[in-house]
Amino acid sequence: MEAASDFVASNLRIIILPILSYLIAFVFFIFWVMCAVHIYSIGTPEFKARSFIANIVWDQKVRYMIWYFLFGLFWVVAYIICL
């Protein structure tokens, strides 16, 4: 604990790294949400009687795209944090 406190005391820039990585991850997450909304809207809307909300029907390719995009979110955020 003493060695770690000596290191942080002599290298104060080390405190900026976690804050910077979380800010970059947050910006990427905002971009990811905007793209995910776009991918979610791909498909044909299916309207039901007496409902003002449409159900989006996806084909198999869109479902794979959603899962791939979700994996990409986890991978990129983990990469940013580990970087």
Protein backbone atom coordinates (compact mmCIF):
# COMPACT_ATOMS: atom_id res chain seq x y z
CA MET A 1 0.00 0.00 0.00
CA GLU A 2 2.87 2.34 0.79
CA ALA A 3 4.56 1.64 -2.56
CA ALA A 4 1.31 2.25 -4.43
CA SER A 5 0.72 5.55 -2.62
CA ASP A 6 4.29 6.63 -3.39
CA PHE A 7 3.77 5.81 -7.07
CA VAL A 8 0.49 7.75 -7.27
CA ALA A 9 2.02 10.69 -5.40
CA SER A 10 4.92 10.88 -7.85
CA ASN A 11 2.74 10.30 -10.98
CA LEU A 12 -0.47 12.29 -10.55
CA ARG A 13 -1.29 11.91 -14.24
CA ILE A 14 -2.27 8.29 -13.50
CA ILE A 15 -5.51 9.60 -11.95
CA ILE A 16 -6.62 11.00 -15.31
CA LEU A 17 -6.47 7.64 -17.13
CA PRO A 18 -9.58 5.98 -15.64
CA ILE A 19 -11.60 9.17 -16.01
CA LEU A 20 -10.50 9.55 -19.62
CA SER A 21 -11.24 5.93 -20.49
CA TYR A 22 -14.73 6.11 -19.00
CA LEU A 23 -15.44 9.34 -20.88
CA ILE A 24 -14.35 7.73 -24.15
CA ALA A 25 -16.45 4.65 -23.35
CA PHE A 26 -19.44 6.90 -22.59
CA VAL A 27 -19.10 8.72 -25.92
CA PHE A 28 -18.87 5.37 -27.71
CA PHE A 29 -21.93 4.13 -25.81
CA ILE A 30 -23.96 7.18 -26.95
CA PHE A 31 -22.90 6.49 -30.55
CA TRP A 32 -23.79 2.80 -30.07
CA VAL A 33 -27.28 3.65 -28.78
CA MET A 34 -27.98 5.85 -31.79
CA CYS A 35 -26.87 3.08 -34.15
CA ALA A 36 -28.81 0.45 -32.18
CA VAL A 37 -32.01 2.46 -32.55
CA HIS A 38 -31.42 2.58 -36.28
CA ILE A 39 -30.78 -1.18 -36.48
CA TYR A 40 -33.84 -1.85 -34.31
CA SER A 41 -36.01 0.09 -36.74
CA ILE A 42 -34.98 -2.10 -39.70
CA GLY A 43 -37.87 -4.37 -40.55
CA THR A 44 -41.53 -4.25 -41.37
CA PRO A 45 -43.93 -2.67 -38.89
CA GLU A 46 -46.87 -4.79 -37.83
CA PHE A 47 -49.88 -2.89 -36.53
CA LYS A 48 -52.47 -4.44 -34.23
CA ALA A 49 -56.02 -3.27 -33.76
CA ARG A 50 -56.54 -0.73 -30.97
CA SER A 51 -52.81 -0.31 -30.37
CA PHE A 52 -50.85 2.82 -31.15
CA ILE A 53 -47.48 1.03 -30.95
CA ALA A 54 -46.24 -0.96 -33.93
CA ASN A 55 -44.37 -4.23 -33.52
CA ILE A 56 -41.26 -4.48 -35.70
CA VAL A 57 -40.89 -7.85 -37.44
CA TRP A 58 -37.28 -8.74 -38.26
CA ASP A 59 -35.88 -11.32 -40.61
CA GLN A 60 -33.02 -13.62 -39.57
CA LYS A 61 -30.27 -11.33 -40.93
CA VAL A 62 -31.40 -8.41 -38.76
CA ARG A 63 -31.46 -10.64 -35.68
CA TYR A 64 -27.86 -11.69 -36.37
CA MET A 65 -26.93 -8.06 -36.91
CA ILE A 66 -28.38 -7.10 -33.51
CA TRP A 67 -26.47 -9.87 -31.72
CA TYR A 68 -23.25 -8.96 -33.57
CA PHE A 69 -23.71 -5.31 -32.69
CA LEU A 70 -24.27 -6.17 -29.01
CA PHE A 71 -21.08 -8.25 -28.99
CA GLY A 72 -19.28 -5.29 -30.56
CA LEU A 73 -20.44 -3.05 -27.71
CA PHE A 74 -19.03 -5.39 -25.07
CA TRP A 75 -15.78 -5.90 -26.96
CA VAL A 76 -15.08 -2.23 -27.68
CA VAL A 77 -15.93 -1.03 -24.17
CA ALA A 78 -13.73 -3.74 -22.64
CA TYR A 79 -10.94 -2.75 -25.05
CA ILE A 80 -11.25 0.93 -24.11
CA ILE A 81 -11.18 0.17 -20.39
CA CYS A 82 -8.21 -2.21 -20.73
CA LEU A 83 -6.32 0.18 -22.98
